[in-house]
Amino acid sequence: MKSQLTTEAMQEKLAILEKLIGLSVDLHNLNAGVQRRYDISVVQWLVLKKIVDQPGLSAGTLAEISGVQPSTLTPTINRLESMGLIYIQERPSDLRRKLLVVTWKGLECSRRSEAAFAAALSKTGKLGISNGEFESVRSLTKLLLSNIHRVDANSSGAIDADKDLKT
């Protein structure tokens, strides 16, 4: 049986997918390496920084301004709370809405981590990717996910390369 990935268009798209996976692995390694060195991951620090910069955020508002689903943030928020960097305060006027508040320990951790990240970033020089290029990569990953969800489980699983995965 001939593979559906043999056309030139599909081979090109497969090469891009392989690069995206490589980038995902690199980002995972960066996050894990920072966590080993500073006891806080890049993801945790970015969430903590948003809470420090905008005191009294709700988890929902934090998810909205971060562009992620609340369920994606929950483990990070729980981890920050278990580390003693934030606490979750009920809002007396609306018990359904809880506020995320930074602790003194969290404030110190945020400042220390920010100094380390700033020093590391200052040594990288120009990052070499524009915001437009980055947004194109994000759009591509979202399109791939959307197309994966659209594939009919009862069909052969084929996606028309020229129709669905436009690049």
Foldseek 3Di string as FASTA:
>chain_A
DDDPQPDPLSVVVVVLVVVVVVVVVVQVVQQVVCCVVQVHGPVLLVLLVVCVVPPFDWLVVSCVVVVHDSVVCVVSLVVCVVVVQWDWAADVVDRVTITIHGDPVNVVSNVVVVVVVVVVVVVPPDPPADPVRVVVSVVQVVLVVVLQVVQDPPDPSDDDSVPRRPD
